[in-house]
C-alpha atoms as a PDB file:
ATOM      1  CA  MET A   1      48.313  96.297 121.460  1.00  0.00           C
ATOM      2  CA  LYS A   2      51.571  97.097 123.235  1.00  0.00           C
ATOM      3  CA  THR A   3      53.999  99.610 121.815  1.00  0.00           C
ATOM      4  CA  LEU A   4      57.584  98.721 120.991  1.00  0.00           C
ATOM      5  CA  LYS A   5      58.790 100.607 124.071  1.00  0.00           C
ATOM      6  CA  GLU A   6      56.403  98.663 126.345  1.00  0.00           C
ATOM      7  CA  LYS A   7      57.551  95.342 124.888  1.00  0.00           C
ATOM      8  CA  MET A   8      61.222  96.290 125.374  1.00  0.00           C
ATOM      9  CA  GLU A   9      60.524  97.319 128.972  1.00  0.00           C
ATOM     10  CA  GLU A  10      58.919  93.904 129.647  1.00  0.00           C
ATOM     11  CA  VAL A  11      62.025  92.193 128.296  1.00  0.00           C
ATOM     12  CA  ARG A  12      64.268  94.324 130.520  1.00  0.00           C
ATOM     13  CA  LYS A  13      62.175  93.601 133.653  1.00  0.00           C
ATOM     14  CA  LYS A  14      62.078  89.887 132.890  1.00  0.00           C
ATOM     15  CA  HIS A  15      65.865  89.607 132.820  1.00  0.00           C
ATOM     16  CA  THR A  16      66.862  91.901 135.703  1.00  0.00           C
ATOM     17  CA  ASN A  17      65.571  89.600 138.454  1.00  0.00           C
ATOM     18  CA  SER A  18      68.681  87.423 138.313  1.00  0.00           C
ATOM     19  CA  ILE A  19      70.921  90.472 138.790  1.00  0.00           C
ATOM     20  CA  GLU A  20      68.887  91.747 141.741  1.00  0.00           C
ATOM     21  CA  GLN A  21      68.902  88.320 143.381  1.00  0.00           C
ATOM     22  CA  GLY A  22      72.687  88.174 143.064  1.00  0.00           C
ATOM     23  CA  GLU A  23      73.043  91.624 144.661  1.00  0.00           C
ATOM     24  CA  VAL A  24      70.716  90.684 147.541  1.00  0.00           C
ATOM     25  CA  HIS A  25      72.729  87.512 148.131  1.00  0.00           C
ATOM     26  CA  SER A  26      75.982  89.476 148.330  1.00  0.00           C
ATOM     27  CA  ASN A  27      74.452  91.889 150.850  1.00  0.00           C
ATOM     28  CA  ASN A  28      73.338  89.097 153.223  1.00  0.00           C
ATOM     29  CA  ILE A  29      76.798  87.760 153.993  1.00  0.00           C
ATOM     30  CA  MET A  30      77.728  88.049 157.703  1.00  0.00           C
ATOM     31  CA  HIS A  31      80.341  86.885 160.201  1.00  0.00           C
ATOM     32  CA  GLU A  32      83.258  86.613 157.796  1.00  0.00           C
ATOM     33  CA  SER A  33      86.689  88.104 158.356  1.00  0.00           C
ATOM     34  CA  ASN A  34      87.537  91.348 156.541  1.00  0.00           C
ATOM     35  CA  THR A  35      89.846  89.617 154.062  1.00  0.00           C
ATOM     36  CA  GLU A  36      87.325  86.905 153.308  1.00  0.00           C
ATOM     37  CA  MET A  37      84.609  89.528 153.017  1.00  0.00           C
ATOM     38  CA  GLU A  38      86.666  91.657 150.598  1.00  0.00           C
ATOM     39  CA  ASN A  39      87.461  88.610 148.448  1.00  0.00           C
ATOM     40  CA  LYS A  40      83.805  87.592 148.467  1.00  0.00           C
ATOM     41  CA  GLU A  41      82.728  91.122 147.516  1.00  0.00           C
ATOM     42  CA  ARG A  42      85.191  91.179 144.600  1.00  0.00           C
ATOM     43  CA  ARG A  43      83.894  87.818 143.365  1.00  0.00           C
ATOM     44  CA  ASP A  44      80.290  88.977 143.812  1.00  0.00           C
ATOM     45  CA  GLU A  45      81.012  92.201 141.895  1.00  0.00           C
ATOM     46  CA  ASP A  46      82.563  90.151 139.079  1.00  0.00           C
ATOM     47  CA  THR A  47      79.579  87.789 139.110  1.00  0.00           C
ATOM     48  CA  ASN A  48      77.110  90.692 139.125  1.00  0.00           C
ATOM     49  CA  GLN A  49      78.960  92.322 136.215  1.00  0.00           C
ATOM     50  CA  GLU A  50      78.920  89.038 134.286  1.00  0.00           C
ATOM     51  CA  ASN A  51      75.202  88.676 135.024  1.00  0.00           C
ATOM     52  CA  LYS A  52      74.549  92.221 133.807  1.00  0.00           C
ATOM     53  CA  GLU A  53      76.475  91.570 130.591  1.00  0.00           C
ATOM     54  CA  ARG A  54      74.604  88.283 130.058  1.00  0.00           C
ATOM     55  CA  VAL A  55      71.255  89.973 130.701  1.00  0.00           C
ATOM     56  CA  ASN A  56      72.124  92.854 128.350  1.00  0.00           C
ATOM     57  CA  ALA A  57      73.029  90.395 125.597  1.00  0.00           C
ATOM     58  CA  THR A  58      69.768  88.486 126.126  1.00  0.00           C
ATOM     59  CA  VAL A  59      67.712  91.694 126.259  1.00  0.00           C
ATOM     60  CA  ASN A  60      69.331  92.964 123.051  1.00  0.00           C
ATOM     61  CA  ALA A  61      68.657  89.658 121.285  1.00  0.00           C
ATOM     62  CA  GLU A  62      65.008  89.761 122.360  1.00  0.00           C
ATOM     63  CA  ARG A  63      64.726  93.410 121.310  1.00  0.00           C
ATOM     64  CA  ILE A  64      65.968  92.473 117.850  1.00  0.00           C
ATOM     65  CA  GLU A  65      63.397  89.683 117.711  1.00  0.00           C
ATOM     66  CA  ILE A  66      60.619  92.104 118.753  1.00  0.00           C
ATOM     67  CA  MET A  67      61.705  94.729 116.242  1.00  0.00           C
ATOM     68  CA  SER A  68      62.015  92.293 113.357  1.00  0.00           C
ATOM     69  CA  SER A  69      58.613  90.751 114.067  1.00  0.00           C
ATOM     70  CA  GLU A  70      56.963  94.101 114.838  1.00  0.00           C
ATOM     71  CA  ASN A  71      57.543  95.570 111.402  1.00  0.00           C
ATOM     72  CA  SER A  72      58.948  93.526 108.550  1.00  0.00           C
ATOM     73  CA  SER A  73      60.263  96.687 106.861  1.00  0.00           C
ATOM     74  CA  ALA A  74      62.592  97.168 109.875  1.00  0.00           C
ATOM     75  CA  TYR A  75      64.419  93.971 108.923  1.00  0.00           C
ATOM     76  CA  LYS A  76      65.889  93.810 105.432  1.00  0.00           C
ATOM     77  CA  ASP A  77      68.895  91.924 104.132  1.00  0.00           C
ATOM     78  CA  GLY A  78      70.014  91.024 107.651  1.00  0.00           C
ATOM     79  CA  LEU A  79      69.933  94.651 108.820  1.00  0.00           C
ATOM     80  CA  ILE A  80      67.774  95.943 111.641  1.00  0.00           C
ATOM     81  CA  GLY A  81      67.254  99.585 112.505  1.00  0.00           C
ATOM     82  CA  VAL A  82      67.327 100.724 116.119  1.00  0.00           C
ATOM     83  CA  PRO A  83      65.461 103.594 117.761  1.00  0.00           C
ATOM     84  CA  LYS A  84      66.961 107.025 117.180  1.00  0.00           C
ATOM     85  CA  ALA A  85      69.274 108.285 119.913  1.00  0.00           C
ATOM     86  CA  THR A  86      69.184 111.862 121.182  1.00  0.00           C
ATOM     87  CA  LYS A  87      71.677 113.887 123.197  1.00  0.00           C
ATOM     88  CA  VAL A  88      70.706 116.106 126.106  1.00  0.00           C
ATOM     89  CA  VAL A  89      72.664 118.286 128.528  1.00  0.00           C
ATOM     90  CA  LEU A  90      72.087 118.008 132.256  1.00  0.00           C
ATOM     91  CA  SER A  91      73.431 120.933 134.267  1.00  0.00           C
ATOM     92  CA  ARG A  92      73.551 122.270 137.812  1.00  0.00           C
ATOM     93  CA  VAL A  93      74.054 118.778 139.249  1.00  0.00           C
ATOM     94  CA  TYR A  94      75.515 119.157 142.740  1.00  0.00           C
ATOM     95  CA  ALA A  95      79.046 117.708 142.801  1.00  0.00           C
ATOM     96  CA  ASP A  96      79.109 116.270 146.315  1.00  0.00           C
ATOM     97  CA  ARG A  97      80.197 112.842 145.023  1.00  0.00           C
ATOM     98  CA  SER A  98      82.703 111.451 142.564  1.00  0.00           C
ATOM     99  CA  GLU A  99      81.935 111.578 138.846  1.00  0.00           C
ATOM    100  CA  ASP A 100      81.300 107.820 138.784  1.00  0.00           C
ATOM    101  CA  GLU A 101      78.885 107.942 141.728  1.00  0.00           C
ATOM    102  CA  THR A 102      77.049 110.887 140.189  1.00  0.00           C
ATOM    103  CA  MET A 103      76.721 109.097 136.845  1.00  0.00           C
ATOM    104  CA  ASP A 104      75.454 105.952 138.620  1.00  0.00           C
ATOM    105  CA  ASN A 105      72.891 108.045 140.510  1.00  0.00           C
ATOM    106  CA  ILE A 106      71.682 109.629 137.258  1.00  0.00           C
ATOM    107  CA  TRP A 107      71.469 106.201 135.616  1.00  0.00           C
ATOM    108  CA  ASN A 108      69.455 104.798 138.535  1.00  0.00           C
ATOM    109  CA  HIS A 109      67.204 107.871 138.705  1.00  0.00           C
ATOM    110  CA  ALA A 110      66.329 107.472 135.025  1.00  0.00           C
ATOM    111  CA  LYS A 111      65.922 103.704 135.287  1.00  0.00           C
ATOM    112  CA  LYS A 112      63.381 104.095 138.125  1.00  0.00           C
ATOM    113  CA  ARG A 113      61.387 106.313 135.783  1.00  0.00           C
ATOM    114  CA  LYS A 114      61.632 103.766 132.927  1.00  0.00           C
ATOM    115  CA  VAL A 115      64.070 105.808 130.836  1.00  0.00           C
ATOM    116  CA  GLU A 116      67.116 104.070 129.411  1.00  0.00           C
ATOM    117  CA  ILE A 117      70.285 106.136 129.161  1.00  0.00           C
ATOM    118  CA  SER A 118      72.882 104.605 126.859  1.00  0.00           C
ATOM    119  CA  TYR A 119      75.766 106.993 127.616  1.00  0.00           C
ATOM    120  CA  ILE A 120      76.776 109.602 130.197  1.00  0.00           C
ATOM    121  CA  LYS A 121      79.784 111.905 129.996  1.00  0.00           C
ATOM    122  CA  VAL A 122      80.884 114.648 132.380  1.00  0.00           C
ATOM    123  CA  LEU A 123      81.441 117.740 130.256  1.00  0.00           C
ATOM    124  CA  LYS A 124      82.386 120.219 132.945  1.00  0.00           C
ATOM    125  CA  TYR A 125      83.116 120.492 136.640  1.00  0.00           C
ATOM    126  CA  ARG A 126      82.672 123.914 138.210  1.00  0.00           C
ATOM    127  CA  GLU A 127      84.351 124.353 141.560  1.00  0.00           C
ATOM    128  CA  ASN A 128      82.322 127.405 142.451  1.00  0.00           C
ATOM    129  CA  PHE A 129      78.951 127.872 140.716  1.00  0.00           C
ATOM    130  CA  GLY A 130      77.529 130.468 143.071  1.00  0.00           C
ATOM    131  CA  SER A 131      78.927 128.785 146.138  1.00  0.00           C
ATOM    132  CA  TRP A 132      78.238 125.218 144.982  1.00  0.00           C
ATOM    133  CA  PRO A 133      80.430 122.781 143.066  1.00  0.00           C
ATOM    134  CA  THR A 134      78.485 121.413 140.068  1.00  0.00           C
ATOM    135  CA  TYR A 135      78.710 119.042 137.109  1.00  0.00           C
ATOM    136  CA  THR A 136      77.425 119.536 133.597  1.00  0.00           C
ATOM    137  CA  LEU A 137      76.851 116.217 131.808  1.00  0.00           C
ATOM    138  CA  GLN A 138      75.901 114.913 128.388  1.00  0.00           C
ATOM    139  CA  LEU A 139      73.375 112.068 128.228  1.00  0.00           C
ATOM    140  CA  ILE A 140      72.475 109.939 125.230  1.00  0.00           C
ATOM    141  CA  LEU A 141      69.062 108.286 125.308  1.00  0.00           C
ATOM    142  CA  TYR A 142      66.407 107.012 122.952  1.00  0.00           C
ATOM    143  CA  ASP A 143      64.364 109.658 121.169  1.00  0.00           C
ATOM    144  CA  VAL A 144      61.136 108.150 122.572  1.00  0.00           C
ATOM    145  CA  ASP A 145      62.301 109.160 126.087  1.00  0.00           C
ATOM    146  CA  LEU A 146      63.221 112.745 125.177  1.00  0.00           C
ATOM    147  CA  GLU A 147      59.907 114.282 126.202  1.00  0.00           C
ATOM    148  CA  SER A 148      60.091 112.569 129.603  1.00  0.00           C
ATOM    149  CA  VAL A 149      63.587 113.808 130.501  1.00  0.00           C
ATOM    150  CA  LEU A 150      62.874 117.346 129.306  1.00  0.00           C
ATOM    151  CA  ASN A 151      59.875 117.513 131.658  1.00  0.00           C
ATOM    152  CA  SER A 152      60.811 119.666 134.670  1.00  0.00           C
ATOM    153  CA  ASN A 153      59.224 117.112 137.040  1.00  0.00           C
ATOM    154  CA  PHE A 154      61.567 114.329 135.893  1.00  0.00           C
ATOM    155  CA  TRP A 155      64.681 115.719 137.615  1.00  0.00           C
ATOM    156  CA  PRO A 156      65.107 117.007 141.168  1.00  0.00           C
ATOM    157  CA  ASP A 157      64.556 120.749 141.676  1.00  0.00           C
ATOM    158  CA  GLN A 158      67.227 123.080 140.289  1.00  0.00           C
ATOM    159  CA  ILE A 159      68.681 120.505 137.845  1.00  0.00           C
ATOM    160  CA  LEU A 160      68.271 121.719 134.276  1.00  0.00           C
ATOM    161  CA  CYS A 161      67.913 119.488 131.221  1.00  0.00           C
ATOM    162  CA  ARG A 162      67.805 120.590 127.593  1.00  0.00           C
ATOM    163  CA  LYS A 163      68.473 119.224 124.132  1.00  0.00           C
ATOM    164  CA  TRP A 164      72.064 119.122 122.922  1.00  0.00           C
ATOM    165  CA  ILE A 165      72.787 121.913 120.437  1.00  0.00           C
ATOM    166  CA  THR A 166      75.060 121.393 117.428  1.00  0.00           C
ATOM    167  CA  ARG A 167      76.720 124.422 115.883  1.00  0.00           C
ATOM    168  CA  SER A 168      75.470 124.759 112.341  1.00  0.00           C
ATOM    169  CA  GLY A 169      78.085 124.591 109.637  1.00  0.00           C
ATOM    170  CA  SER A 170      81.103 123.496 111.640  1.00  0.00           C
ATOM    171  CA  GLY A 171      79.813 120.150 112.856  1.00  0.00           C
ATOM    172  CA  GLN A 172      81.311 120.923 116.263  1.00  0.00           C
ATOM    173  CA  GLN A 173      79.142 120.526 119.301  1.00  0.00           C
ATOM    174  CA  TYR A 174      78.968 122.639 122.397  1.00  0.00           C
ATOM    175  CA  SER A 175      77.092 122.563 125.667  1.00  0.00           C
ATOM    176  CA  ARG A 176      76.191 126.200 126.252  1.00  0.00           C
END
């Protein structure tokens, strides 16, 4: 019998084909003027974003259906629980790209390894860590994926990942 995570992954795979097909279509356009090409790319980006939002809504609806049928105690009085989220800190990420590009690369890296990140935030930029510019980031992901991302083989060499630490008593959080 498949686990909840495996069922959710099937739902995600099922609905991402339409997004990928739209991206492939936008990459195959040739022999158009620069202005026409830029307009087409903007429309394709909008369409791809709309497709992603539609797919996310469909995936979430199917996840709710899976969760409510998986365990009747998870669905009571119209309320459904979701998997627990966990925060981690990713540090020593080489800052050779913009923050947005770096976050996209992290998202894609995790997605290829079947880990879903729900939130990424740049906590710190260091201009000169040794002689390298680096980012320190906070990631929020499902608790079921925590063991995977903490594994040293998950990330490229030299990138460190650890659980987020909350200061006891004050409720304030820090990344050191």
